[in-house]
């Protein structure tokens, strides 16, 4: 069984997720955002097997450097954003100086790609490449729990007006991949409350 803790981090209220399986002393983190002190406290006595990034915008990667060095854990990211961790212009932190200082960290150790299956914390995570909000956006499915990053939100979708964004790709990702999942799949987005595939397929005004 997957245990999910949500941490609302940074000025853009980014959802960071701490996941554990049967062993509560071992976890993984999805999208450690800015100002990660609450998350850092929570993992103080834990082994972190990996940091998984749904994409590399600054509000989702602000805590990567601190946590990776603290826990000596690898980072996973889609190859299309492989240079975003090292480049504050690409990850957007240079574009929003009132919100964030320039953010840089080392490149990811491992790539994420469509159809990949990751065995972590005794669980299997399936990777969907879901571009549109950003070129390397991925969504991660573990049984009936989907971590959608900034692709799909409750009654909304990710913005496509940032560099590398494309509305047609976003809608293709949602309709062609995420909406083919079961109604009962719970969606844990990068911002805002959780939802479900069935609810969004029936009610989301941005996807017709």
N, C-alpha and C. Protein backbone atom coordinates (compact mmCIF):
# COMPACT_ATOMS: atom_id res chain seq x y z
N UNK A 1 0.85 -1.20 0.00
CA UNK A 1 0.00 0.00 0.00
C UNK A 1 0.88 1.25 0.00
N UNK A 2 0.44 2.24 -0.76
CA UNK A 2 1.19 3.49 -0.85
C UNK A 2 0.65 4.49 0.15
N UNK A 3 1.56 5.03 0.97
CA UNK A 3 1.19 6.08 1.91
C UNK A 3 1.68 7.41 1.35
N UNK A 4 0.80 8.40 1.32
CA UNK A 4 1.07 9.67 0.64
C UNK A 4 0.93 10.82 1.62
N UNK A 5 2.00 11.60 1.76
CA UNK A 5 1.94 12.84 2.54
C UNK A 5 2.20 14.02 1.61
N UNK A 6 1.40 15.04 1.72
CA UNK A 6 1.50 16.21 0.86
C UNK A 6 2.07 17.38 1.65
N UNK A 7 3.04 18.07 1.05
CA UNK A 7 3.63 19.27 1.64
C UNK A 7 3.43 20.42 0.66
N UNK A 8 2.79 21.47 1.11
CA UNK A 8 2.50 22.63 0.27
C UNK A 8 3.65 23.62 0.43
N UNK A 9 4.50 23.74 -0.59
CA UNK A 9 5.78 24.43 -0.44
C UNK A 9 5.90 25.67 -1.31
N UNK A 10 6.54 26.69 -0.77
CA UNK A 10 6.97 27.84 -1.54
C UNK A 10 5.87 28.82 -1.86
N UNK A 11 6.25 29.94 -2.48
CA UNK A 11 5.30 31.01 -2.76
C UNK A 11 4.23 30.64 -3.78
N UNK A 12 4.46 29.62 -4.60
CA UNK A 12 3.46 29.18 -5.56
C UNK A 12 2.67 27.98 -5.06
N UNK A 13 2.85 27.66 -3.77
CA UNK A 13 2.09 26.58 -3.12
C UNK A 13 2.14 25.28 -3.93
N UNK A 14 3.36 24.86 -4.19
CA UNK A 14 3.58 23.64 -4.97
C UNK A 14 3.41 22.41 -4.07
N UNK A 15 2.71 21.42 -4.59
CA UNK A 15 2.54 20.17 -3.86
C UNK A 15 3.77 19.30 -4.02
N UNK A 16 4.45 19.04 -2.90
CA UNK A 16 5.51 18.02 -2.86
C UNK A 16 4.92 16.80 -2.17
N UNK A 17 5.24 15.63 -2.68
CA UNK A 17 4.68 14.40 -2.13
C UNK A 17 5.79 13.51 -1.59
N UNK A 18 5.59 13.05 -0.35
CA UNK A 18 6.48 12.08 0.29
C UNK A 18 5.73 10.76 0.32
N UNK A 19 6.28 9.76 -0.34
CA UNK A 19 5.62 8.47 -0.47
C UNK A 19 6.40 7.40 0.26
N UNK A 20 5.68 6.55 0.98
CA UNK A 20 6.29 5.38 1.63
C UNK A 20 5.44 4.16 1.32
N UNK A 21 6.09 3.01 1.40
CA UNK A 21 5.39 1.74 1.22
C UNK A 21 5.25 1.03 2.55
N UNK A 22 5.53 -0.27 2.54
CA UNK A 22 5.37 -1.06 3.76
C UNK A 22 6.35 -0.65 4.84
N UNK A 23 7.53 -0.19 4.45
CA UNK A 23 8.55 0.24 5.41
C UNK A 23 8.50 1.77 5.53
N UNK A 24 8.01 2.28 6.66
CA UNK A 24 7.88 3.73 6.80
C UNK A 24 9.20 4.47 6.89
N UNK A 25 10.30 3.74 7.01
CA UNK A 25 11.61 4.38 7.10
C UNK A 25 12.24 4.62 5.74
N UNK A 26 11.58 4.15 4.66
CA UNK A 26 12.09 4.35 3.31
C UNK A 26 11.05 5.08 2.48
N UNK A 27 11.48 6.11 1.76
CA UNK A 27 10.53 6.89 0.98
C UNK A 27 11.10 7.39 -0.32
N UNK A 28 10.22 7.96 -1.13
CA UNK A 28 10.63 8.72 -2.30
C UNK A 28 9.89 10.06 -2.25
N UNK A 29 10.41 11.04 -2.97
CA UNK A 29 9.82 12.36 -3.00
C UNK A 29 9.51 12.73 -4.45
N UNK A 30 8.31 13.25 -4.67
CA UNK A 30 7.94 13.79 -5.96
C UNK A 30 7.88 15.31 -5.85
N UNK A 31 8.68 16.00 -6.65
CA UNK A 31 8.66 17.46 -6.77
C UNK A 31 8.93 18.22 -5.46
N UNK A 32 10.14 18.13 -4.92
CA UNK A 32 10.46 18.92 -3.72
C UNK A 32 10.63 20.39 -4.08
N UNK A 33 9.64 21.19 -3.76
CA UNK A 33 9.61 22.58 -4.19
C UNK A 33 10.42 23.51 -3.31
N UNK A 34 10.15 24.80 -3.47
CA UNK A 34 10.91 25.84 -2.77
C UNK A 34 10.55 25.85 -1.28
N UNK A 35 11.48 26.38 -0.49
CA UNK A 35 11.28 26.48 0.97
C UNK A 35 10.89 25.12 1.56
N UNK A 36 11.78 24.11 1.42
CA UNK A 36 11.38 22.74 1.75
C UNK A 36 11.54 22.35 3.21
N UNK A 37 11.71 23.32 4.12
CA UNK A 37 12.01 22.97 5.51
C UNK A 37 11.02 21.96 6.12
N UNK A 38 9.71 22.08 5.93
CA UNK A 38 8.80 21.09 6.51
C UNK A 38 9.04 19.68 5.99
N UNK A 39 9.35 19.58 4.71
CA UNK A 39 9.66 18.28 4.11
C UNK A 39 10.97 17.74 4.64
N UNK A 40 11.97 18.59 4.76
CA UNK A 40 13.27 18.17 5.28
C UNK A 40 13.13 17.63 6.71
N UNK A 41 12.32 18.28 7.52
CA UNK A 41 12.10 17.79 8.89
C UNK A 41 11.44 16.42 8.87
N UNK A 42 10.52 16.21 7.97
CA UNK A 42 9.78 14.95 7.92
C UNK A 42 10.66 13.77 7.52
N UNK A 43 11.70 14.02 6.74
CA UNK A 43 12.55 12.92 6.25
C UNK A 43 13.84 12.79 7.05
N UNK A 44 13.93 13.48 8.16
CA UNK A 44 15.18 13.53 8.92
C UNK A 44 15.73 12.14 9.24
N UNK A 45 14.85 11.23 9.63
CA UNK A 45 15.29 9.89 10.02
C UNK A 45 14.94 8.83 8.98
N UNK A 46 14.72 9.27 7.74
CA UNK A 46 14.33 8.34 6.68
C UNK A 46 15.42 8.15 5.66
N UNK A 47 15.38 7.02 4.99
CA UNK A 47 16.17 6.80 3.78
C UNK A 47 15.32 7.21 2.59
N UNK A 48 15.83 8.10 1.76
CA UNK A 48 15.11 8.52 0.56
C UNK A 48 15.75 7.82 -0.64
N UNK A 49 14.97 6.97 -1.29
CA UNK A 49 15.49 6.18 -2.40
C UNK A 49 15.65 7.00 -3.68
N UNK A 50 14.80 8.01 -3.86
CA UNK A 50 14.86 8.77 -5.11
C UNK A 50 14.03 10.04 -4.99
N UNK A 51 14.38 11.01 -5.82
CA UNK A 51 13.56 12.20 -6.08
C UNK A 51 13.07 12.07 -7.52
N UNK A 52 11.74 12.07 -7.70
CA UNK A 52 11.15 12.01 -9.03
C UNK A 52 10.58 13.37 -9.36
N UNK A 53 10.92 13.90 -10.53
CA UNK A 53 10.45 15.21 -10.95
C UNK A 53 9.45 15.06 -12.09
N UNK A 54 8.26 15.60 -11.90
CA UNK A 54 7.28 15.59 -12.98
C UNK A 54 7.69 16.53 -14.09
N UNK A 55 8.43 17.56 -13.75
CA UNK A 55 9.04 18.48 -14.71
C UNK A 55 9.99 19.38 -13.92
N UNK A 56 10.70 20.26 -14.63
CA UNK A 56 11.81 20.98 -13.97
C UNK A 56 11.58 22.48 -13.88
N UNK A 57 10.33 22.91 -13.75
CA UNK A 57 10.11 24.32 -13.45
C UNK A 57 10.56 24.63 -12.03
N UNK A 58 11.00 25.87 -11.82
CA UNK A 58 11.68 26.24 -10.57
C UNK A 58 10.87 25.95 -9.32
N UNK A 59 9.56 26.10 -9.39
CA UNK A 59 8.75 25.90 -8.18
C UNK A 59 8.62 24.43 -7.81
N UNK A 60 9.04 23.53 -8.70
CA UNK A 60 9.00 22.10 -8.41
C UNK A 60 10.38 21.54 -8.05
N UNK A 61 11.43 22.33 -8.25
CA UNK A 61 12.80 21.81 -8.04
C UNK A 61 13.56 22.57 -6.97
N UNK A 62 12.91 23.53 -6.31
CA UNK A 62 13.63 24.39 -5.37
C UNK A 62 14.30 23.67 -4.23
N UNK A 63 13.77 22.50 -3.85
CA UNK A 63 14.35 21.74 -2.75
C UNK A 63 15.25 20.60 -3.17
N UNK A 64 15.45 20.44 -4.48
CA UNK A 64 16.23 19.29 -4.97
C UNK A 64 17.64 19.30 -4.41
N UNK A 65 18.33 20.41 -4.52
CA UNK A 65 19.75 20.45 -4.15
C UNK A 65 19.94 20.10 -2.68
N UNK A 66 19.14 20.71 -1.81
CA UNK A 66 19.29 20.47 -0.38
C UNK A 66 19.00 19.01 -0.03
N UNK A 67 17.93 18.47 -0.56
CA UNK A 67 17.54 17.11 -0.20
C UNK A 67 18.47 16.08 -0.82
N UNK A 68 18.89 16.30 -2.05
CA UNK A 68 19.81 15.35 -2.69
C UNK A 68 21.12 15.26 -1.91
N UNK A 69 21.63 16.42 -1.47
CA UNK A 69 22.88 16.40 -0.71
C UNK A 69 22.69 15.81 0.68
N UNK A 70 21.54 16.09 1.28
CA UNK A 70 21.27 15.59 2.63
C UNK A 70 21.11 14.08 2.65
N UNK A 71 20.44 13.55 1.64
CA UNK A 71 20.08 12.13 1.63
C UNK A 71 20.86 11.30 0.62
N UNK A 72 21.72 11.94 -0.16
CA UNK A 72 22.55 11.23 -1.14
C UNK A 72 21.69 10.33 -2.03
N UNK A 73 20.63 10.92 -2.57
CA UNK A 73 19.69 10.13 -3.37
C UNK A 73 19.69 10.63 -4.81
N UNK A 74 19.38 9.75 -5.77
CA UNK A 74 19.38 10.14 -7.18
C UNK A 74 18.11 10.89 -7.56
N UNK A 75 18.23 11.65 -8.64
CA UNK A 75 17.11 12.41 -9.19
C UNK A 75 16.75 11.84 -10.56
N UNK A 76 15.45 11.74 -10.80
CA UNK A 76 14.94 11.25 -12.08
C UNK A 76 14.17 12.38 -12.77
N UNK A 77 14.41 12.55 -14.09
CA UNK A 77 13.78 13.63 -14.86
C UNK A 77 13.77 13.23 -16.33
N UNK A 78 12.76 13.66 -17.06
CA UNK A 78 12.71 13.35 -18.49
C UNK A 78 13.87 14.01 -19.22
N UNK A 79 14.40 13.32 -20.20
CA UNK A 79 15.60 13.78 -20.90
C UNK A 79 15.38 15.10 -21.64
N UNK A 80 14.15 15.41 -22.03
CA UNK A 80 13.91 16.66 -22.75
C UNK A 80 14.14 17.89 -21.86
N UNK A 81 14.23 17.67 -20.56
CA UNK A 81 14.53 18.78 -19.66
C UNK A 81 15.84 18.53 -18.90
N UNK A 82 16.73 17.76 -19.51
CA UNK A 82 17.96 17.35 -18.84
C UNK A 82 18.84 18.53 -18.43
N UNK A 83 18.78 19.61 -19.19
CA UNK A 83 19.65 20.75 -18.87
C UNK A 83 18.92 21.84 -18.08
N UNK A 84 17.68 21.60 -17.70
CA UNK A 84 16.94 22.62 -16.97
C UNK A 84 17.41 22.77 -15.53
N UNK A 85 17.89 21.70 -14.93
CA UNK A 85 18.33 21.79 -13.53
C UNK A 85 19.57 22.67 -13.39
N UNK A 86 20.36 22.73 -14.43
CA UNK A 86 21.60 23.51 -14.37
C UNK A 86 21.44 24.92 -14.93
N UNK A 87 20.28 25.22 -15.50
CA UNK A 87 20.10 26.48 -16.22
C UNK A 87 18.90 27.24 -15.66
N UNK A 88 19.13 28.31 -14.89
CA UNK A 88 18.01 29.04 -14.28
C UNK A 88 17.12 29.75 -15.29
N UNK A 89 17.61 30.00 -16.49
CA UNK A 89 16.74 30.58 -17.51
C UNK A 89 15.73 29.55 -17.99
N UNK A 90 16.19 28.32 -18.21
CA UNK A 90 15.30 27.27 -18.69
C UNK A 90 14.29 26.87 -17.62
N UNK A 91 14.72 26.76 -16.37
CA UNK A 91 13.77 26.34 -15.33
C UNK A 91 12.87 27.47 -14.84
N UNK A 92 13.09 28.66 -15.36
CA UNK A 92 12.18 29.77 -15.10
C UNK A 92 12.52 30.64 -13.92
N UNK A 93 13.50 30.24 -13.13
CA UNK A 93 13.78 31.02 -11.92
C UNK A 93 14.34 32.40 -12.23
N UNK A 94 14.99 32.57 -13.38
CA UNK A 94 15.47 33.89 -13.77
C UNK A 94 14.34 34.81 -14.24
N UNK A 95 13.23 34.21 -14.64
CA UNK A 95 12.13 34.99 -15.19
C UNK A 95 11.23 35.57 -14.11
N UNK A 96 11.36 35.08 -12.89
CA UNK A 96 10.47 35.49 -11.81
C UNK A 96 11.30 35.92 -10.60
N UNK A 97 12.10 36.97 -10.74
CA UNK A 97 13.02 37.36 -9.66
C UNK A 97 12.31 37.77 -8.37
N UNK A 98 11.06 38.23 -8.49
CA UNK A 98 10.32 38.58 -7.27
C UNK A 98 9.82 37.37 -6.52
N UNK A 99 9.87 36.20 -7.15
CA UNK A 99 9.36 34.97 -6.55
C UNK A 99 10.48 34.04 -6.12
N UNK A 100 11.57 34.02 -6.89
CA UNK A 100 12.61 33.02 -6.65
C UNK A 100 13.99 33.57 -6.99
N UNK A 101 15.00 33.20 -6.22
CA UNK A 101 16.38 33.45 -6.67
C UNK A 101 16.71 32.49 -7.81
N UNK A 102 17.78 32.72 -8.55
CA UNK A 102 18.18 31.75 -9.57
C UNK A 102 18.45 30.38 -8.94
N UNK A 103 17.86 29.36 -9.51
CA UNK A 103 17.98 28.01 -8.97
C UNK A 103 18.80 27.15 -9.92
N UNK A 104 19.85 26.55 -9.39
CA UNK A 104 20.64 25.58 -10.15
C UNK A 104 21.01 24.41 -9.25
N UNK A 105 21.14 23.26 -9.86
CA UNK A 105 21.63 22.08 -9.17
C UNK A 105 22.25 21.16 -10.22
N UNK A 106 22.85 20.07 -9.79
CA UNK A 106 23.47 19.14 -10.72
C UNK A 106 22.42 18.46 -11.60
N UNK A 107 22.82 17.95 -12.76
CA UNK A 107 21.86 17.24 -13.61
C UNK A 107 21.28 16.01 -12.91
N UNK A 108 20.16 15.55 -13.42
CA UNK A 108 19.55 14.32 -12.89
C UNK A 108 20.44 13.12 -13.19
N UNK A 109 20.41 12.17 -12.28
CA UNK A 109 21.18 10.94 -12.48
C UNK A 109 20.53 9.99 -13.47
N UNK A 110 19.19 10.01 -13.53
CA UNK A 110 18.48 9.05 -14.37
C UNK A 110 17.38 9.75 -15.16
N UNK A 111 17.10 9.20 -16.35
CA UNK A 111 16.02 9.71 -17.21
C UNK A 111 14.70 9.01 -16.89
N UNK A 112 13.62 9.74 -17.13
CA UNK A 112 12.28 9.16 -17.14
C UNK A 112 11.79 9.14 -18.58
N UNK A 113 11.04 8.09 -18.96
CA UNK A 113 10.55 8.03 -20.33
C UNK A 113 9.25 7.25 -20.40
N UNK A 114 8.52 7.47 -21.47
CA UNK A 114 7.23 6.83 -21.69
C UNK A 114 7.32 5.31 -21.56
N UNK A 115 6.41 4.75 -20.74
CA UNK A 115 6.34 3.30 -20.58
C UNK A 115 7.29 2.70 -19.56
N UNK A 116 8.19 3.52 -19.07
CA UNK A 116 9.17 3.03 -18.09
C UNK A 116 8.46 2.60 -16.80
N UNK A 117 8.99 1.58 -16.17
CA UNK A 117 8.48 1.15 -14.87
C UNK A 117 9.61 1.22 -13.84
N UNK A 118 9.36 1.90 -12.75
CA UNK A 118 10.34 2.06 -11.68
C UNK A 118 9.91 1.25 -10.48
N UNK A 119 10.85 0.49 -9.94
CA UNK A 119 10.59 -0.28 -8.72
C UNK A 119 11.25 0.45 -7.56
N UNK A 120 10.45 1.11 -6.77
CA UNK A 120 10.92 1.92 -5.65
C UNK A 120 10.03 1.71 -4.44
N UNK A 121 10.58 1.74 -3.26
CA UNK A 121 9.88 1.54 -1.97
C UNK A 121 8.90 0.36 -2.04
N UNK A 122 9.28 -0.69 -2.74
CA UNK A 122 8.43 -1.88 -2.84
C UNK A 122 7.19 -1.68 -3.70
N UNK A 123 7.17 -0.61 -4.49
CA UNK A 123 6.02 -0.30 -5.34
C UNK A 123 6.50 -0.14 -6.78
N UNK A 124 5.56 -0.24 -7.71
CA UNK A 124 5.86 -0.05 -9.12
C UNK A 124 5.23 1.26 -9.59
N UNK A 125 6.05 2.11 -10.20
CA UNK A 125 5.59 3.38 -10.74
C UNK A 125 5.71 3.33 -12.26
N UNK A 126 4.63 3.63 -12.94
CA UNK A 126 4.61 3.64 -14.41
C UNK A 126 4.70 5.08 -14.89
N UNK A 127 5.55 5.32 -15.86
CA UNK A 127 5.82 6.67 -16.34
C UNK A 127 5.04 6.93 -17.63
N UNK A 128 4.32 8.05 -17.66
CA UNK A 128 3.68 8.55 -18.87
C UNK A 128 4.34 9.87 -19.26
N UNK A 129 4.82 9.96 -20.49
CA UNK A 129 5.32 11.24 -20.98
C UNK A 129 4.11 12.07 -21.39
N UNK A 130 3.89 13.19 -20.68
CA UNK A 130 2.68 13.99 -20.89
C UNK A 130 3.05 15.45 -21.15
N UNK A 131 3.65 15.73 -22.30
CA UNK A 131 4.09 17.10 -22.60
C UNK A 131 2.91 18.04 -22.83
N UNK A 132 3.22 19.33 -22.86
CA UNK A 132 2.22 20.35 -23.12
C UNK A 132 2.42 21.53 -22.19
N UNK A 133 2.45 21.25 -20.89
CA UNK A 133 2.83 22.31 -19.94
C UNK A 133 4.31 22.62 -20.10
N UNK A 134 5.09 21.58 -20.26
CA UNK A 134 6.51 21.69 -20.57
C UNK A 134 6.88 20.47 -21.42
N UNK A 135 7.97 20.52 -22.17
CA UNK A 135 8.27 19.43 -23.10
C UNK A 135 8.59 18.10 -22.44
N UNK A 136 9.13 18.15 -21.22
CA UNK A 136 9.50 16.92 -20.54
C UNK A 136 8.58 16.53 -19.40
N UNK A 137 7.38 17.09 -19.38
CA UNK A 137 6.45 16.75 -18.29
C UNK A 137 6.10 15.26 -18.32
N UNK A 138 6.07 14.65 -17.14
CA UNK A 138 5.64 13.26 -17.01
C UNK A 138 4.58 13.17 -15.93
N UNK A 139 3.77 12.12 -16.02
CA UNK A 139 2.84 11.76 -14.96
C UNK A 139 3.22 10.36 -14.49
N UNK A 140 3.05 10.13 -13.20
CA UNK A 140 3.53 8.89 -12.58
C UNK A 140 2.36 8.16 -11.94
N UNK A 141 2.17 6.90 -12.31
CA UNK A 141 1.05 6.11 -11.83
C UNK A 141 1.54 4.97 -10.95
N UNK A 142 1.00 4.88 -9.74
CA UNK A 142 1.26 3.75 -8.84
C UNK A 142 -0.08 3.17 -8.44
N UNK A 143 -0.39 2.00 -8.97
CA UNK A 143 -1.71 1.40 -8.78
C UNK A 143 -2.79 2.41 -9.18
N UNK A 144 -3.59 2.89 -8.25
CA UNK A 144 -4.66 3.82 -8.59
C UNK A 144 -4.36 5.25 -8.17
N UNK A 145 -3.10 5.57 -7.99
CA UNK A 145 -2.70 6.92 -7.62
C UNK A 145 -1.84 7.51 -8.73
N UNK A 146 -2.28 8.67 -9.25
CA UNK A 146 -1.58 9.33 -10.36
C UNK A 146 -1.06 10.67 -9.89
N UNK A 147 0.23 10.90 -10.12
CA UNK A 147 0.88 12.17 -9.80
C UNK A 147 1.07 12.90 -11.13
N UNK A 148 0.27 13.96 -11.32
CA UNK A 148 0.12 14.54 -12.66
C UNK A 148 0.95 15.80 -12.88
N UNK A 149 1.73 16.23 -11.87
CA UNK A 149 2.50 17.45 -12.05
C UNK A 149 1.59 18.61 -12.40
N UNK A 150 1.99 19.41 -13.40
CA UNK A 150 1.19 20.56 -13.81
C UNK A 150 0.45 20.29 -15.12
N UNK A 151 0.11 19.03 -15.35
CA UNK A 151 -0.63 18.67 -16.57
C UNK A 151 -2.14 18.78 -16.31
N UNK A 152 -2.62 18.11 -15.27
CA UNK A 152 -4.05 18.05 -14.98
C UNK A 152 -4.29 18.45 -13.53
N UNK A 153 -5.21 19.40 -13.34
CA UNK A 153 -5.62 19.86 -12.02
C UNK A 153 -7.11 19.59 -11.83
N UNK A 154 -7.59 19.82 -10.62
CA UNK A 154 -9.03 19.73 -10.38
C UNK A 154 -9.72 20.86 -11.13
N UNK A 155 -10.54 20.48 -12.12
CA UNK A 155 -11.31 21.42 -12.94
C UNK A 155 -10.42 22.42 -13.68
N UNK A 156 -9.19 22.04 -13.96
CA UNK A 156 -8.28 22.92 -14.70
C UNK A 156 -7.19 22.09 -15.34
N UNK A 157 -6.34 22.76 -16.10
CA UNK A 157 -5.19 22.12 -16.74
C UNK A 157 -3.99 23.05 -16.62
N UNK A 158 -2.83 22.53 -16.93
CA UNK A 158 -1.62 23.31 -16.84
C UNK A 158 -1.55 24.41 -17.89
N UNK A 159 -0.89 25.50 -17.53
CA UNK A 159 -0.73 26.59 -18.49
C UNK A 159 0.23 26.18 -19.59
N UNK A 160 0.03 26.76 -20.76
CA UNK A 160 0.86 26.38 -21.91
C UNK A 160 1.57 27.59 -22.52
N UNK A 161 1.58 28.71 -21.79
CA UNK A 161 2.18 29.93 -22.33
C UNK A 161 3.61 30.15 -21.87
N UNK A 162 4.20 29.15 -21.21
CA UNK A 162 5.60 29.23 -20.81
C UNK A 162 6.47 28.62 -21.90
N UNK A 163 7.78 28.93 -21.92
CA UNK A 163 8.65 28.37 -22.96
C UNK A 163 8.56 26.84 -23.03
N UNK A 164 8.34 26.33 -24.24
CA UNK A 164 8.23 24.89 -24.43
C UNK A 164 6.83 24.35 -24.24
N UNK A 165 5.89 25.20 -23.82
CA UNK A 165 4.51 24.75 -23.65
C UNK A 165 3.77 24.74 -24.98
N UNK A 166 2.76 23.87 -25.08
CA UNK A 166 1.97 23.78 -26.32
C UNK A 166 0.60 23.20 -25.99
N UNK A 167 -0.44 23.96 -26.26
CA UNK A 167 -1.79 23.57 -25.85
C UNK A 167 -2.22 22.25 -26.50
N UNK A 168 -1.93 22.09 -27.78
CA UNK A 168 -2.34 20.86 -28.46
C UNK A 168 -1.68 19.64 -27.81
N UNK A 169 -0.41 19.76 -27.46
CA UNK A 169 0.28 18.64 -26.81
C UNK A 169 -0.35 18.34 -25.45
N UNK A 170 -0.71 19.39 -24.72
CA UNK A 170 -1.30 19.19 -23.40
C UNK A 170 -2.62 18.43 -23.51
N UNK A 171 -3.48 18.85 -24.41
CA UNK A 171 -4.77 18.19 -24.57
C UNK A 171 -4.59 16.76 -25.07
N UNK A 172 -3.62 16.55 -25.96
CA UNK A 172 -3.33 15.18 -26.42
C UNK A 172 -2.87 14.30 -25.25
N UNK A 173 -2.04 14.86 -24.37
CA UNK A 173 -1.56 14.10 -23.21
C UNK A 173 -2.70 13.71 -22.29
N UNK A 174 -3.59 14.66 -22.06
CA UNK A 174 -4.70 14.39 -21.13
C UNK A 174 -5.70 13.42 -21.74
N UNK A 175 -6.15 13.72 -22.96
CA UNK A 175 -7.19 12.88 -23.57
C UNK A 175 -6.64 11.54 -24.05
N UNK A 176 -5.40 11.57 -24.57
CA UNK A 176 -4.85 10.36 -25.16
C UNK A 176 -4.20 9.40 -24.18
N UNK A 177 -3.86 9.92 -22.99
CA UNK A 177 -3.18 9.06 -22.01
C UNK A 177 -3.91 9.05 -20.66
N UNK A 178 -4.03 10.21 -20.03
CA UNK A 178 -4.57 10.22 -18.67
C UNK A 178 -6.05 9.85 -18.63
N UNK A 179 -6.84 10.33 -19.58
CA UNK A 179 -8.27 10.04 -19.57
C UNK A 179 -8.57 8.61 -20.02
N UNK A 180 -7.56 7.86 -20.42
CA UNK A 180 -7.76 6.44 -20.71
C UNK A 180 -7.59 5.57 -19.46
N UNK A 181 -7.20 6.20 -18.35
CA UNK A 181 -7.11 5.48 -17.09
C UNK A 181 -8.50 5.34 -16.48
N UNK A 182 -8.61 4.50 -15.44
CA UNK A 182 -9.89 4.23 -14.84
C UNK A 182 -10.48 5.42 -14.10
N UNK A 183 -11.82 5.46 -14.02
CA UNK A 183 -12.51 6.54 -13.32
C UNK A 183 -12.04 6.70 -11.89
N UNK A 184 -11.68 5.58 -11.25
CA UNK A 184 -11.37 5.61 -9.81
C UNK A 184 -9.92 5.98 -9.52
N UNK A 185 -9.14 6.30 -10.54
CA UNK A 185 -7.75 6.71 -10.31
C UNK A 185 -7.75 8.09 -9.65
N UNK A 186 -7.09 8.19 -8.49
CA UNK A 186 -6.98 9.46 -7.78
C UNK A 186 -5.83 10.27 -8.37
N UNK A 187 -6.08 11.54 -8.63
CA UNK A 187 -5.09 12.43 -9.24
C UNK A 187 -4.52 13.36 -8.17
N UNK A 188 -3.21 13.32 -8.01
CA UNK A 188 -2.49 14.21 -7.10
C UNK A 188 -1.71 15.21 -7.95
N UNK A 189 -2.22 16.44 -8.09
CA UNK A 189 -1.60 17.41 -9.00
C UNK A 189 -0.48 18.20 -8.34
N UNK A 190 0.20 18.98 -9.17
CA UNK A 190 1.31 19.80 -8.69
C UNK A 190 0.88 21.01 -7.89
N UNK A 191 -0.38 21.40 -8.03
CA UNK A 191 -0.94 22.51 -7.26
C UNK A 191 -2.40 22.19 -6.99
N UNK A 192 -2.91 22.62 -5.85
CA UNK A 192 -4.33 22.49 -5.57
C UNK A 192 -4.72 21.12 -5.06
N UNK A 193 -6.04 20.90 -4.88
CA UNK A 193 -6.53 19.67 -4.26
C UNK A 193 -6.50 18.49 -5.21
N UNK A 194 -6.55 17.31 -4.62
CA UNK A 194 -6.59 16.10 -5.43
C UNK A 194 -7.97 15.95 -6.07
N UNK A 195 -8.03 15.10 -7.08
CA UNK A 195 -9.27 14.87 -7.80
C UNK A 195 -9.26 13.43 -8.31
N UNK A 196 -10.08 13.12 -9.30
CA UNK A 196 -10.08 11.78 -9.88
C UNK A 196 -10.22 11.87 -11.38
N UNK A 197 -9.79 10.83 -12.06
CA UNK A 197 -9.89 10.81 -13.51
C UNK A 197 -11.36 10.87 -13.94
N UNK A 198 -12.22 10.11 -13.29
CA UNK A 198 -13.63 10.11 -13.65
C UNK A 198 -14.26 11.47 -13.51
N UNK A 199 -13.95 12.18 -12.43
CA UNK A 199 -14.52 13.51 -12.20
C UNK A 199 -14.04 14.48 -13.26
N UNK A 200 -12.76 14.44 -13.57
CA UNK A 200 -12.22 15.37 -14.56
C UNK A 200 -12.72 15.06 -15.97
N UNK A 201 -12.85 13.78 -16.28
CA UNK A 201 -13.34 13.43 -17.61
C UNK A 201 -14.76 13.95 -17.81
N UNK A 202 -15.55 13.96 -16.75
CA UNK A 202 -16.94 14.41 -16.84
C UNK A 202 -17.12 15.91 -16.67
N UNK A 203 -16.20 16.58 -15.93
CA UNK A 203 -16.46 17.93 -15.50
C UNK A 203 -15.43 18.97 -15.89
N UNK A 204 -14.24 18.57 -16.32
CA UNK A 204 -13.20 19.56 -16.57
C UNK A 204 -13.56 20.41 -17.79
N UNK A 205 -13.72 21.73 -17.60
CA UNK A 205 -14.19 22.58 -18.70
C UNK A 205 -13.15 22.84 -19.78
N UNK A 206 -11.89 22.50 -19.51
CA UNK A 206 -10.81 22.79 -20.46
C UNK A 206 -10.52 21.64 -21.40
N UNK A 207 -11.14 20.50 -21.14
CA UNK A 207 -10.89 19.31 -21.95
C UNK A 207 -12.23 18.81 -22.50
N UNK A 208 -12.42 18.97 -23.78
CA UNK A 208 -13.69 18.56 -24.38
C UNK A 208 -13.44 17.55 -25.48
